[in-house]
Amino acid sequence: MVGDTLADRLLPAFARANPGGEPQPGPLASSTVVAWDMAEAALVLPALSLLPRPGDAPRSTYLHDHDHGQGDGQAQGGIQAWFQPLEAAVSLYDHTEATGYYCVRHAAALPAWESAAPLRALLRWALADHDLHLVHSAAVGDARGALLLAARGGSGKSTSTALCAAAGLQTAGDDYVVLSPGGPDGSGPQVHSLYRTLKVGAELLDRRFAGLETRDAGHDKRSVWLDDVALGAQVPTMGVAAIVVPSVAEAARESSFRTVSAAVAIRGLGPSTLLQLPGRAERALAAMSAVAEQVPAYEGELGRDLDRVAPDLVELLDRATSQKHDREL
């Protein structure tokens, strides 16, 4: 990585795989990302002058070389690139070489959301080569498995993650996690940690987490580190027990959930994932569909009583675990 400022903006958000901070072996161990800040490197990327400006259309430009690859840029080859004018950034991934490149005009000017969940496009493309998929979701639970909280922003995912972590439950992350649909050995779907960022509103911070160091996360939210909220709450991997499509109740104090079809679960999980990141979506959608066919799915409202959110989700996990067991018999 070229640029101390860029390193400070990108690296802190990544989850720590273990107390020593050493990377955990896995698919990304075979991938390389090269990142540089043109302001500190005193090196201008000529093609950046071709990018649309923030006020221009389109908002961003996505390119995909299909000449050497298949489908969604699989490991057979191909190059994917994302040009972001607002961020003044270029992301490019070469699937043949398993190498990504991230270039910014000025790291100090990167929007806050780029620090909260950095290198999203590159990670999505690299992970997809190993049938792992970056999804817009939170995951909370315990040793039995995780509830995959999947819905658009403002649905209560981050609040639930914060409250569950503080209550002693486990989490694989808030906002973005990595989904594995299951392997040929019969192992079920799993969710993996990627970022340790927890993005919450000012009201929840004031009521429950006052005193924690916060950072701007963009979109009127602040971010804290999950390990500051509850040390040890974030774990590298959890089995997926159920998919939950939540919303925030208008008046009810307690949460309520009902069983829904796999199609409803996919509608909750898919759009907010596929619309936020560039690239063809066939493989990601297929993986989400495979998970939805393997585990129970629920839709419901999170109650207004913050003290009840974590216990209500534990009750739902009890229900999901029992229902999943019945389905496997």
C-alpha atoms as a PDB file:
ATOM      1  CA  MET A   1       0.000   0.000   0.000  1.00  0.00           C
ATOM      2  CA  VAL A   2       1.295   3.438  -0.946  1.00  0.00           C
ATOM      3  CA  GLY A   3       0.260   6.242   1.390  1.00  0.00           C
ATOM      4  CA  ASP A   4       0.041   6.399   5.182  1.00  0.00           C
ATOM      5  CA  THR A   5      -3.230   8.319   4.986  1.00  0.00           C
ATOM      6  CA  LEU A   6      -4.776   5.665   2.764  1.00  0.00           C
ATOM      7  CA  ALA A   7      -3.679   2.897   5.146  1.00  0.00           C
ATOM      8  CA  ASP A   8      -5.283   4.770   8.046  1.00  0.00           C
ATOM      9  CA  ARG A   9      -8.515   5.153   6.072  1.00  0.00           C
ATOM     10  CA  LEU A  10      -8.797   1.536   4.874  1.00  0.00           C
ATOM     11  CA  LEU A  11      -7.196  -0.937   7.266  1.00  0.00           C
ATOM     12  CA  PRO A  12      -8.719  -0.290  10.731  1.00  0.00           C
ATOM     13  CA  ALA A  13     -12.228  -1.426   9.712  1.00  0.00           C
ATOM     14  CA  PHE A  14     -11.244  -5.015   8.984  1.00  0.00           C
ATOM     15  CA  ALA A  15     -12.210  -7.600  11.584  1.00  0.00           C
ATOM     16  CA  ARG A  16      -9.431  -9.133  13.603  1.00  0.00           C
ATOM     17  CA  ALA A  17      -9.302 -12.861  12.914  1.00  0.00           C
ATOM     18  CA  ASN A  18      -7.713 -13.625  16.274  1.00  0.00           C
ATOM     19  CA  PRO A  19      -6.339 -11.770  19.307  1.00  0.00           C
ATOM     20  CA  GLY A  20      -2.888 -11.564  17.741  1.00  0.00           C
ATOM     21  CA  GLY A  21      -4.287  -9.783  14.711  1.00  0.00           C
ATOM     22  CA  GLU A  22      -2.742 -12.249  12.243  1.00  0.00           C
ATOM     23  CA  PRO A  23      -4.763 -12.967   9.102  1.00  0.00           C
ATOM     24  CA  GLN A  24      -6.803 -16.145   9.128  1.00  0.00           C
ATOM     25  CA  PRO A  25      -5.997 -18.614   6.306  1.00  0.00           C
ATOM     26  CA  GLY A  26      -8.669 -18.707   3.636  1.00  0.00           C
ATOM     27  CA  PRO A  27      -9.530 -17.967   0.006  1.00  0.00           C
ATOM     28  CA  LEU A  28      -8.331 -14.360   0.128  1.00  0.00           C
ATOM     29  CA  ALA A  29      -4.873 -15.514   1.221  1.00  0.00           C
ATOM     30  CA  SER A  30      -4.320 -16.274  -2.477  1.00  0.00           C
ATOM     31  CA  SER A  31      -5.404 -12.802  -3.608  1.00  0.00           C
ATOM     32  CA  THR A  32      -3.384  -9.592  -3.626  1.00  0.00           C
ATOM     33  CA  VAL A  33      -4.647  -6.019  -3.400  1.00  0.00           C
ATOM     34  CA  VAL A  34      -2.422  -3.116  -4.380  1.00  0.00           C
ATOM     35  CA  ALA A  35      -3.642   0.301  -3.199  1.00  0.00           C
ATOM     36  CA  TRP A  36      -2.176   3.738  -3.590  1.00  0.00           C
ATOM     37  CA  ASP A  37      -2.980   7.358  -2.877  1.00  0.00           C
ATOM     38  CA  MET A  38      -1.949   9.536  -5.810  1.00  0.00           C
ATOM     39  CA  ALA A  39      -1.602  12.588  -3.552  1.00  0.00           C
ATOM     40  CA  GLU A  40       1.092  10.930  -1.423  1.00  0.00           C
ATOM     41  CA  ALA A  41       2.666   8.931  -4.234  1.00  0.00           C
ATOM     42  CA  ALA A  42       2.908  12.022  -6.456  1.00  0.00           C
ATOM     43  CA  LEU A  43       1.692   9.788  -9.260  1.00  0.00           C
ATOM     44  CA  VAL A  44      -1.361  10.655 -11.337  1.00  0.00           C
ATOM     45  CA  LEU A  45      -3.334   7.943 -13.074  1.00  0.00           C
ATOM     46  CA  PRO A  46      -3.995   9.422 -16.538  1.00  0.00           C
ATOM     47  CA  ALA A  47      -7.252   7.556 -17.074  1.00  0.00           C
ATOM     48  CA  LEU A  48      -8.759   9.219 -13.993  1.00  0.00           C
ATOM     49  CA  SER A  49      -9.329  12.350 -16.068  1.00  0.00           C
ATOM     50  CA  LEU A  50     -11.837  10.336 -18.112  1.00  0.00           C
ATOM     51  CA  LEU A  51     -14.107   9.753 -15.131  1.00  0.00           C
ATOM     52  CA  PRO A  52     -17.452  11.524 -14.884  1.00  0.00           C
ATOM     53  CA  ARG A  53     -17.528  14.304 -12.312  1.00  0.00           C
ATOM     54  CA  PRO A  54     -19.898  14.063  -9.299  1.00  0.00           C
ATOM     55  CA  GLY A  55     -22.554  16.171 -10.995  1.00  0.00           C
ATOM     56  CA  ASP A  56     -22.421  14.203 -14.220  1.00  0.00           C
ATOM     57  CA  ALA A  57     -24.344  11.113 -15.243  1.00  0.00           C
ATOM     58  CA  PRO A  58     -23.794   8.272 -14.706  1.00  0.00           C
ATOM     59  CA  ARG A  59     -23.086   8.301 -10.984  1.00  0.00           C
ATOM     60  CA  SER A  60     -20.445   5.609 -11.472  1.00  0.00           C
ATOM     61  CA  THR A  61     -19.079   3.522 -14.323  1.00  0.00           C
ATOM     62  CA  TYR A  62     -18.722  -0.252 -14.271  1.00  0.00           C
ATOM     63  CA  LEU A  63     -16.773  -2.208 -16.871  1.00  0.00           C
ATOM     64  CA  HIS A  64     -16.481  -5.983 -17.277  1.00  0.00           C
ATOM     65  CA  ASP A  65     -14.203  -7.778 -19.712  1.00  0.00           C
ATOM     66  CA  HIS A  66     -16.040 -10.916 -20.861  1.00  0.00           C
ATOM     67  CA  ASP A  67     -13.394 -12.026 -23.342  1.00  0.00           C
ATOM     68  CA  HIS A  68     -11.574 -14.342 -20.959  1.00  0.00           C
ATOM     69  CA  GLY A  69     -14.149 -15.090 -18.294  1.00  0.00           C
ATOM     70  CA  GLN A  70     -17.540 -16.588 -17.855  1.00  0.00           C
ATOM     71  CA  GLY A  71     -20.637 -15.379 -16.094  1.00  0.00           C
ATOM     72  CA  ASP A  72     -19.834 -13.167 -13.143  1.00  0.00           C
ATOM     73  CA  GLY A  73     -16.099 -12.897 -13.621  1.00  0.00           C
ATOM     74  CA  GLN A  74     -15.248 -16.344 -12.334  1.00  0.00           C
ATOM     75  CA  ALA A  75     -11.773 -17.655 -11.675  1.00  0.00           C
ATOM     76  CA  GLN A  76     -11.322 -18.646 -15.332  1.00  0.00           C
ATOM     77  CA  GLY A  77     -10.310 -15.068 -16.130  1.00  0.00           C
ATOM     78  CA  GLY A  78     -11.596 -11.644 -16.990  1.00  0.00           C
ATOM     79  CA  ILE A  79     -11.199  -8.150 -15.585  1.00  0.00           C
ATOM     80  CA  GLN A  80     -13.729  -6.049 -13.688  1.00  0.00           C
ATOM     81  CA  ALA A  81     -13.396  -2.337 -12.995  1.00  0.00           C
ATOM     82  CA  TRP A  82     -15.421   0.260 -11.105  1.00  0.00           C
ATOM     83  CA  PHE A  83     -14.893   3.978 -11.553  1.00  0.00           C
ATOM     84  CA  GLN A  84     -16.335   6.119  -8.723  1.00  0.00           C
ATOM     85  CA  PRO A  85     -16.342   9.859  -9.494  1.00  0.00           C
ATOM     86  CA  LEU A  86     -17.641  10.996  -6.100  1.00  0.00           C
ATOM     87  CA  GLU A  87     -14.866   9.103  -4.341  1.00  0.00           C
ATOM     88  CA  ALA A  88     -12.354   9.840  -7.144  1.00  0.00           C
ATOM     89  CA  ALA A  89     -11.397   6.170  -6.981  1.00  0.00           C
ATOM     90  CA  VAL A  90     -10.763   3.279  -9.352  1.00  0.00           C
ATOM     91  CA  SER A  91     -11.151  -0.402  -8.396  1.00  0.00           C
ATOM     92  CA  LEU A  92      -9.908  -3.050 -10.824  1.00  0.00           C
ATOM     93  CA  TYR A  93      -9.675  -6.820 -10.344  1.00  0.00           C
ATOM     94  CA  ASP A  94      -7.817  -9.247 -12.601  1.00  0.00           C
ATOM     95  CA  HIS A  95      -9.348 -12.702 -12.007  1.00  0.00           C
ATOM     96  CA  THR A  96      -6.595 -14.520 -13.893  1.00  0.00           C
ATOM     97  CA  GLU A  97      -3.891 -13.082 -11.654  1.00  0.00           C
ATOM     98  CA  ALA A  98      -6.089 -12.888  -8.526  1.00  0.00           C
ATOM     99  CA  THR A  99      -4.888  -9.319  -8.067  1.00  0.00           C
ATOM    100  CA  GLY A 100      -6.860  -6.185  -7.291  1.00  0.00           C
ATOM    101  CA  TYR A 101      -5.896  -2.541  -7.707  1.00  0.00           C
ATOM    102  CA  TYR A 102      -7.391   0.392  -5.807  1.00  0.00           C
ATOM    103  CA  CYS A 103      -6.352   3.923  -6.694  1.00  0.00           C
ATOM    104  CA  VAL A 104      -7.651   7.186  -5.183  1.00  0.00           C
ATOM    105  CA  ARG A 105      -6.941  10.756  -6.123  1.00  0.00           C
ATOM    106  CA  HIS A 106      -6.654  11.909  -2.498  1.00  0.00           C
ATOM    107  CA  ALA A 107      -7.137   9.543   0.445  1.00  0.00           C
ATOM    108  CA  ALA A 108      -7.865  12.351   2.884  1.00  0.00           C
ATOM    109  CA  ALA A 109     -10.938  13.293   0.807  1.00  0.00           C
ATOM    110  CA  LEU A 110     -12.482   9.811   0.763  1.00  0.00           C
ATOM    111  CA  PRO A 111     -16.097   9.829   2.052  1.00  0.00           C
ATOM    112  CA  ALA A 112     -16.648   8.324   5.483  1.00  0.00           C
ATOM    113  CA  TRP A 113     -18.503   5.289   4.119  1.00  0.00           C
ATOM    114  CA  GLU A 114     -15.364   4.187   2.266  1.00  0.00           C
ATOM    115  CA  SER A 115     -13.551   3.867   5.594  1.00  0.00           C
ATOM    116  CA  ALA A 116     -16.472   2.091   7.284  1.00  0.00           C
ATOM    117  CA  ALA A 117     -16.569  -0.675   4.648  1.00  0.00           C
ATOM    118  CA  PRO A 118     -13.447  -0.375   2.495  1.00  0.00           C
ATOM    119  CA  LEU A 119     -12.583  -2.134  -0.763  1.00  0.00           C
ATOM    120  CA  ARG A 120     -16.081  -3.587  -1.094  1.00  0.00           C
ATOM    121  CA  ALA A 121     -16.039  -4.094  -4.861  1.00  0.00           C
ATOM    122  CA  LEU A 122     -12.621  -5.757  -4.951  1.00  0.00           C
ATOM    123  CA  LEU A 123     -13.520  -8.062  -2.090  1.00  0.00           C
ATOM    124  CA  ARG A 124     -16.828  -9.002  -3.677  1.00  0.00           C
ATOM    125  CA  TRP A 125     -15.133  -9.956  -6.942  1.00  0.00           C
ATOM    126  CA  ALA A 126     -12.267 -11.865  -5.304  1.00  0.00           C
ATOM    127  CA  LEU A 127     -14.531 -13.759  -2.906  1.00  0.00           C
ATOM    128  CA  ALA A 128     -16.974 -14.749  -5.652  1.00  0.00           C
ATOM    129  CA  ASP A 129     -14.247 -16.805  -7.332  1.00  0.00           C
ATOM    130  CA  HIS A 130     -14.418 -19.087  -4.275  1.00  0.00           C
ATOM    131  CA  ASP A 131     -18.246 -19.151  -4.076  1.00  0.00           C
ATOM    132  CA  LEU A 132     -18.181 -16.686  -1.174  1.00  0.00           C
ATOM    133  CA  HIS A 133     -20.416 -13.647  -1.438  1.00  0.00           C
ATOM    134  CA  LEU A 134     -20.380 -10.218   0.168  1.00  0.00           C
ATOM    135  CA  VAL A 135     -23.960  -9.502   1.266  1.00  0.00           C
ATOM    136  CA  HIS A 136     -25.650  -6.484   2.807  1.00  0.00           C
ATOM    137  CA  SER A 137     -26.720  -8.047   6.077  1.00  0.00           C
ATOM    138  CA  ALA A 138     -25.957  -8.412   9.764  1.00  0.00           C
ATOM    139  CA  ALA A 139     -25.548 -11.730  11.590  1.00  0.00           C
ATOM    140  CA  VAL A 140     -26.299 -12.314  15.292  1.00  0.00           C
ATOM    141  CA  GLY A 141     -26.763 -15.464  17.346  1.00  0.00           C
ATOM    142  CA  ASP A 142     -24.848 -17.927  19.469  1.00  0.00           C
ATOM    143  CA  ALA A 143     -23.073 -21.278  19.175  1.00  0.00           C
ATOM    144  CA  ARG A 144     -26.181 -22.774  17.552  1.00  0.00           C
ATOM    145  CA  GLY A 145     -25.990 -20.421  14.587  1.00  0.00           C
ATOM    146  CA  ALA A 146     -26.735 -16.962  13.280  1.00  0.00           C
ATOM    147  CA  LEU A 147     -29.859 -15.086  12.324  1.00  0.00           C
ATOM    148  CA  LEU A 148     -29.033 -13.365   9.051  1.00  0.00           C
ATOM    149  CA  LEU A 149     -30.731  -9.953   9.379  1.00  0.00           C
ATOM    150  CA  ALA A 150     -31.305  -8.926   5.797  1.00  0.00           C
ATOM    151  CA  ALA A 151     -33.009  -5.739   4.711  1.00  0.00           C
ATOM    152  CA  ARG A 152     -32.433  -2.229   3.490  1.00  0.00           C
ATOM    153  CA  GLY A 153     -30.929   0.500   5.674  1.00  0.00           C
ATOM    154  CA  GLY A 154     -33.157   1.714   8.504  1.00  0.00           C
ATOM    155  CA  SER A 155     -34.639  -1.723   9.179  1.00  0.00           C
ATOM    156  CA  GLY A 156     -32.998  -2.168  12.581  1.00  0.00           C
ATOM    157  CA  LYS A 157     -30.021  -4.366  11.617  1.00  0.00           C
ATOM    158  CA  SER A 158     -27.363  -2.201  13.241  1.00  0.00           C
ATOM    159  CA  THR A 159     -29.403  -1.504  16.377  1.00  0.00           C
ATOM    160  CA  SER A 160     -30.072  -5.217  16.787  1.00  0.00           C
ATOM    161  CA  THR A 161     -26.399  -6.085  16.284  1.00  0.00           C
ATOM    162  CA  ALA A 162     -25.282  -3.541  18.885  1.00  0.00           C
ATOM    163  CA  LEU A 163     -27.851  -4.648  21.464  1.00  0.00           C
ATOM    164  CA  CYS A 164     -27.188  -8.350  20.889  1.00  0.00           C
ATOM    165  CA  ALA A 165     -23.420  -7.923  21.208  1.00  0.00           C
ATOM    166  CA  ALA A 166     -23.855  -5.931  24.421  1.00  0.00           C
ATOM    167  CA  ALA A 167     -26.170  -8.669  25.754  1.00  0.00           C
ATOM    168  CA  GLY A 168     -23.516 -11.359  25.320  1.00  0.00           C
ATOM    169  CA  LEU A 169     -24.528 -12.826  21.964  1.00  0.00           C
ATOM    170  CA  GLN A 170     -22.177 -13.453  19.057  1.00  0.00           C
ATOM    171  CA  THR A 171     -22.033 -11.606  15.757  1.00  0.00           C
ATOM    172  CA  ALA A 172     -20.266 -12.014  12.443  1.00  0.00           C
ATOM    173  CA  GLY A 173     -20.706  -8.330  11.658  1.00  0.00           C
ATOM    174  CA  ASP A 174     -23.030  -5.476  10.927  1.00  0.00           C
ATOM    175  CA  ASP A 175     -24.045  -4.206   7.484  1.00  0.00           C
ATOM    176  CA  TYR A 176     -21.747  -6.432   5.369  1.00  0.00           C
ATOM    177  CA  VAL A 177     -20.844 -10.087   5.939  1.00  0.00           C
ATOM    178  CA  VAL A 178     -19.549 -12.891   3.728  1.00  0.00           C
ATOM    179  CA  LEU A 179     -22.004 -15.668   2.889  1.00  0.00           C
ATOM    180  CA  SER A 180     -21.093 -19.246   1.959  1.00  0.00           C
ATOM    181  CA  PRO A 181     -23.986 -21.330   0.554  1.00  0.00           C
ATOM    182  CA  GLY A 182     -22.498 -24.643   1.743  1.00  0.00           C
ATOM    183  CA  GLY A 183     -20.053 -27.139   0.386  1.00  0.00           C
ATOM    184  CA  PRO A 184     -20.166 -30.448  -1.491  1.00  0.00           C
ATOM    185  CA  ASP A 185     -19.361 -32.236   1.771  1.00  0.00           C
ATOM    186  CA  GLY A 186     -22.859 -31.478   2.995  1.00  0.00           C
ATOM    187  CA  SER A 187     -21.876 -28.635   5.275  1.00  0.00           C
ATOM    188  CA  GLY A 188     -24.612 -26.071   5.680  1.00  0.00           C
ATOM    189  CA  PRO A 189     -24.491 -22.353   4.870  1.00  0.00           C
ATOM    190  CA  GLN A 190     -22.109 -20.189   6.854  1.00  0.00           C
ATOM    191  CA  VAL A 191     -21.506 -16.500   7.396  1.00  0.00           C
ATOM    192  CA  HIS A 192     -18.039 -15.021   7.918  1.00  0.00           C
ATOM    193  CA  SER A 193     -16.773 -11.785   9.429  1.00  0.00           C
ATOM    194  CA  LEU A 194     -15.188  -9.117   7.269  1.00  0.00           C
ATOM    195  CA  TYR A 195     -15.561  -5.703   8.936  1.00  0.00           C
ATOM    196  CA  ARG A 196     -15.656  -4.782  12.630  1.00  0.00           C
ATOM    197  CA  THR A 197     -17.538  -1.555  11.957  1.00  0.00           C
ATOM    198  CA  LEU A 198     -20.868  -1.011  13.721  1.00  0.00           C
ATOM    199  CA  LYS A 199     -22.885   1.896  12.301  1.00  0.00           C
ATOM    200  CA  VAL A 200     -25.557   3.303  14.595  1.00  0.00           C
ATOM    201  CA  GLY A 201     -27.584   6.466  15.055  1.00  0.00           C
ATOM    202  CA  ALA A 202     -26.777   9.189  17.556  1.00  0.00           C
ATOM    203  CA  GLU A 203     -29.826   8.373  19.719  1.00  0.00           C
ATOM    204  CA  LEU A 204     -28.716   4.787  20.393  1.00  0.00           C
ATOM    205  CA  LEU A 205     -25.168   5.934  21.060  1.00  0.00           C
ATOM    206  CA  ASP A 206     -26.381   8.451  23.628  1.00  0.00           C
ATOM    207  CA  ARG A 207     -28.758   5.983  25.313  1.00  0.00           C
ATOM    208  CA  ARG A 208     -26.629   2.841  25.387  1.00  0.00           C
ATOM    209  CA  PHE A 209     -23.045   3.441  24.323  1.00  0.00           C
ATOM    210  CA  ALA A 210     -22.089   6.900  25.552  1.00  0.00           C
ATOM    211  CA  GLY A 211     -18.374   7.249  26.079  1.00  0.00           C
ATOM    212  CA  LEU A 212     -17.271   5.023  23.204  1.00  0.00           C
ATOM    213  CA  GLU A 213     -14.991   6.525  20.595  1.00  0.00           C
ATOM    214  CA  THR A 214     -17.009   7.174  17.440  1.00  0.00           C
ATOM    215  CA  ARG A 215     -16.221   7.978  13.821  1.00  0.00           C
ATOM    216  CA  ASP A 216     -18.243   9.473  11.022  1.00  0.00           C
ATOM    217  CA  ALA A 217     -19.824   6.668   8.979  1.00  0.00           C
ATOM    218  CA  GLY A 218     -21.705   8.865   6.529  1.00  0.00           C
ATOM    219  CA  HIS A 219     -25.457   8.991   5.917  1.00  0.00           C
ATOM    220  CA  ASP A 220     -26.104  10.606   9.335  1.00  0.00           C
ATOM    221  CA  LYS A 221     -24.614   7.692  11.265  1.00  0.00           C
ATOM    222  CA  ARG A 222     -21.653   7.236  13.546  1.00  0.00           C
ATOM    223  CA  SER A 223     -19.524   4.111  13.724  1.00  0.00           C
ATOM    224  CA  VAL A 224     -17.891   2.286  16.606  1.00  0.00           C
ATOM    225  CA  TRP A 225     -15.819  -0.876  16.655  1.00  0.00           C
ATOM    226  CA  LEU A 226     -17.673  -4.057  17.590  1.00  0.00           C
ATOM    227  CA  ASP A 227     -14.831  -5.052  19.901  1.00  0.00           C
ATOM    228  CA  ASP A 228     -15.311  -1.778  21.806  1.00  0.00           C
ATOM    229  CA  VAL A 229     -19.007  -2.557  22.303  1.00  0.00           C
ATOM    230  CA  ALA A 230     -18.334  -6.093  23.557  1.00  0.00           C
ATOM    231  CA  LEU A 231     -14.880  -7.635  23.455  1.00  0.00           C
ATOM    232  CA  GLY A 232     -15.034 -11.107  21.932  1.00  0.00           C
ATOM    233  CA  ALA A 233     -18.574 -10.762  20.576  1.00  0.00           C
ATOM    234  CA  GLN A 234     -17.425 -10.843  16.970  1.00  0.00           C
ATOM    235  CA  VAL A 235     -16.461 -14.315  15.779  1.00  0.00           C
ATOM    236  CA  PRO A 236     -14.896 -15.336  12.456  1.00  0.00           C
ATOM    237  CA  THR A 237     -17.558 -17.841  11.330  1.00  0.00           C
ATOM    238  CA  MET A 238     -21.113 -18.827  12.244  1.00  0.00           C
ATOM    239  CA  GLY A 239     -23.515 -21.321  10.765  1.00  0.00           C
ATOM    240  CA  VAL A 240     -26.658 -19.756   9.306  1.00  0.00           C
ATOM    241  CA  ALA A 241     -29.730 -20.787  11.318  1.00  0.00           C
ATOM    242  CA  ALA A 242     -32.310 -18.568   9.571  1.00  0.00           C
ATOM    243  CA  ILE A 243     -32.864 -15.526   7.392  1.00  0.00           C
ATOM    244  CA  VAL A 244     -34.807 -12.682   9.006  1.00  0.00           C
ATOM    245  CA  VAL A 245     -36.255  -9.721   7.118  1.00  0.00           C
ATOM    246  CA  PRO A 246     -36.858  -7.145   9.870  1.00  0.00           C
ATOM    247  CA  SER A 247     -38.471  -3.732  10.088  1.00  0.00           C
ATOM    248  CA  VAL A 248     -38.900  -1.337  13.004  1.00  0.00           C
ATOM    249  CA  ALA A 249     -42.268  -1.439  14.750  1.00  0.00           C
ATOM    250  CA  GLU A 250     -44.158   1.845  14.934  1.00  0.00           C
ATOM    251  CA  ALA A 251     -45.625   1.296  18.374  1.00  0.00           C
ATOM    252  CA  ALA A 252     -45.265  -2.311  19.610  1.00  0.00           C
ATOM    253  CA  ARG A 253     -42.865  -2.776  22.506  1.00  0.00           C
ATOM    254  CA  GLU A 254     -42.135  -6.437  21.789  1.00  0.00           C
ATOM    255  CA  SER A 255     -40.951  -7.966  18.541  1.00  0.00           C
ATOM    256  CA  SER A 256     -43.104 -10.275  16.446  1.00  0.00           C
ATOM    257  CA  PHE A 257     -42.143 -12.590  13.592  1.00  0.00           C
ATOM    258  CA  ARG A 258     -43.928 -14.894  11.172  1.00  0.00           C
ATOM    259  CA  THR A 259     -42.642 -17.651   8.929  1.00  0.00           C
ATOM    260  CA  VAL A 260     -42.335 -16.693   5.260  1.00  0.00           C
ATOM    261  CA  SER A 261     -41.256 -18.378   2.050  1.00  0.00           C
ATOM    262  CA  ALA A 262     -37.761 -18.534   0.627  1.00  0.00           C
ATOM    263  CA  ALA A 263     -38.882 -16.085  -2.059  1.00  0.00           C
ATOM    264  CA  VAL A 264     -39.704 -13.436   0.576  1.00  0.00           C
ATOM    265  CA  ALA A 265     -36.302 -13.991   2.186  1.00  0.00           C
ATOM    266  CA  ILE A 266     -34.542 -13.509  -1.148  1.00  0.00           C
ATOM    267  CA  ARG A 267     -36.488 -10.297  -1.789  1.00  0.00           C
ATOM    268  CA  GLY A 268     -35.250  -9.020   1.563  1.00  0.00           C
ATOM    269  CA  LEU A 269     -31.654 -10.120   1.122  1.00  0.00           C
ATOM    270  CA  GLY A 270     -31.096  -9.667  -2.602  1.00  0.00           C
ATOM    271  CA  PRO A 271     -31.922  -6.136  -3.780  1.00  0.00           C
ATOM    272  CA  SER A 272     -30.004  -4.189  -1.147  1.00  0.00           C
ATOM    273  CA  THR A 273     -27.000  -6.438  -1.783  1.00  0.00           C
ATOM    274  CA  LEU A 274     -27.063  -6.436  -5.569  1.00  0.00           C
ATOM    275  CA  LEU A 275     -27.829  -2.742  -6.057  1.00  0.00           C
ATOM    276  CA  GLN A 276     -25.050  -1.471  -3.799  1.00  0.00           C
ATOM    277  CA  LEU A 277     -22.132  -3.095  -5.600  1.00  0.00           C
ATOM    278  CA  PRO A 278     -21.359  -3.306  -9.303  1.00  0.00           C
ATOM    279  CA  GLY A 279     -21.080  -6.423 -11.389  1.00  0.00           C
ATOM    280  CA  ARG A 280     -23.278  -9.122 -12.793  1.00  0.00           C
ATOM    281  CA  ALA A 281     -25.270 -10.688 -10.014  1.00  0.00           C
ATOM    282  CA  GLU A 282     -26.077 -14.224 -11.176  1.00  0.00           C
ATOM    283  CA  ARG A 283     -23.719 -16.074  -8.842  1.00  0.00           C
ATOM    284  CA  ALA A 284     -24.521 -13.950  -5.788  1.00  0.00           C
ATOM    285  CA  LEU A 285     -28.255 -14.351  -6.364  1.00  0.00           C
ATOM    286  CA  ALA A 286     -27.847 -18.103  -6.861  1.00  0.00           C
ATOM    287  CA  ALA A 287     -25.930 -18.367  -3.579  1.00  0.00           C
ATOM    288  CA  MET A 288     -28.551 -16.386  -1.656  1.00  0.00           C
ATOM    289  CA  SER A 289     -31.281 -18.530  -3.173  1.00  0.00           C
ATOM    290  CA  ALA A 290     -29.446 -21.709  -2.148  1.00  0.00           C
ATOM    291  CA  VAL A 291     -29.185 -20.497   1.451  1.00  0.00           C
ATOM    292  CA  ALA A 292     -32.856 -19.484   1.530  1.00  0.00           C
ATOM    293  CA  GLU A 293     -33.822 -22.998   0.460  1.00  0.00           C
ATOM    294  CA  GLN A 294     -31.822 -24.578   3.296  1.00  0.00           C
ATOM    295  CA  VAL A 295     -32.893 -22.579   6.358  1.00  0.00           C
ATOM    296  CA  PRO A 296     -36.158 -21.163   7.774  1.00  0.00           C
ATOM    297  CA  ALA A 297     -37.108 -17.591   6.899  1.00  0.00           C
ATOM    298  CA  TYR A 298     -38.998 -14.997   8.930  1.00  0.00           C
ATOM    299  CA  GLU A 299     -40.381 -11.532   8.455  1.00  0.00           C
ATOM    300  CA  GLY A 300     -41.437  -9.266  11.272  1.00  0.00           C
ATOM    301  CA  GLU A 301     -41.073  -6.171  13.382  1.00  0.00           C
ATOM    302  CA  LEU A 302     -38.476  -5.311  15.998  1.00  0.00           C
ATOM    303  CA  GLY A 303     -40.116  -3.882  19.089  1.00  0.00           C
ATOM    304  CA  ARG A 304     -39.508  -0.397  20.450  1.00  0.00           C
ATOM    305  CA  ASP A 305     -38.396  -1.687  23.851  1.00  0.00           C
ATOM    306  CA  LEU A 306     -34.619  -1.859  23.462  1.00  0.00           C
ATOM    307  CA  ASP A 307     -34.316  -4.177  26.471  1.00  0.00           C
ATOM    308  CA  ARG A 308     -36.469  -6.736  24.645  1.00  0.00           C
ATOM    309  CA  VAL A 309     -34.671  -6.816  21.282  1.00  0.00           C
ATOM    310  CA  ALA A 310     -31.905  -9.276  22.199  1.00  0.00           C
ATOM    311  CA  PRO A 311     -34.199 -11.654  24.167  1.00  0.00           C
ATOM    312  CA  ASP A 312     -36.776 -11.556  21.372  1.00  0.00           C
ATOM    313  CA  LEU A 313     -34.115 -12.525  18.822  1.00  0.00           C
ATOM    314  CA  VAL A 314     -32.906 -15.350  21.082  1.00  0.00           C
ATOM    315  CA  GLU A 315     -36.488 -16.645  21.176  1.00  0.00           C
ATOM    316  CA  LEU A 316     -36.584 -16.490  17.393  1.00  0.00           C
ATOM    317  CA  LEU A 317     -33.281 -18.387  17.233  1.00  0.00           C
ATOM    318  CA  ASP A 318     -34.824 -21.061  19.490  1.00  0.00           C
ATOM    319  CA  ARG A 319     -37.732 -21.286  17.085  1.00  0.00           C
ATOM    320  CA  ALA A 320     -35.489 -21.365  14.018  1.00  0.00           C
ATOM    321  CA  THR A 321     -33.240 -24.047  15.467  1.00  0.00           C
ATOM    322  CA  SER A 322     -36.225 -26.231  16.269  1.00  0.00           C
ATOM    323  CA  GLN A 323     -37.803 -25.654  12.853  1.00  0.00           C
ATOM    324  CA  LYS A 324     -34.536 -26.373  11.043  1.00  0.00           C
ATOM    325  CA  HIS A 325     -34.124 -29.585  13.040  1.00  0.00           C
ATOM    326  CA  ASP A 326     -37.646 -30.675  12.095  1.00  0.00           C
ATOM    327  CA  ARG A 327     -36.920 -30.008   8.422  1.00  0.00           C
ATOM    328  CA  GLU A 328     -33.798 -32.187   8.551  1.00  0.00           C
ATOM    329  CA  LEU A 329     -35.614 -35.184  10.050  1.00  0.00           C
END
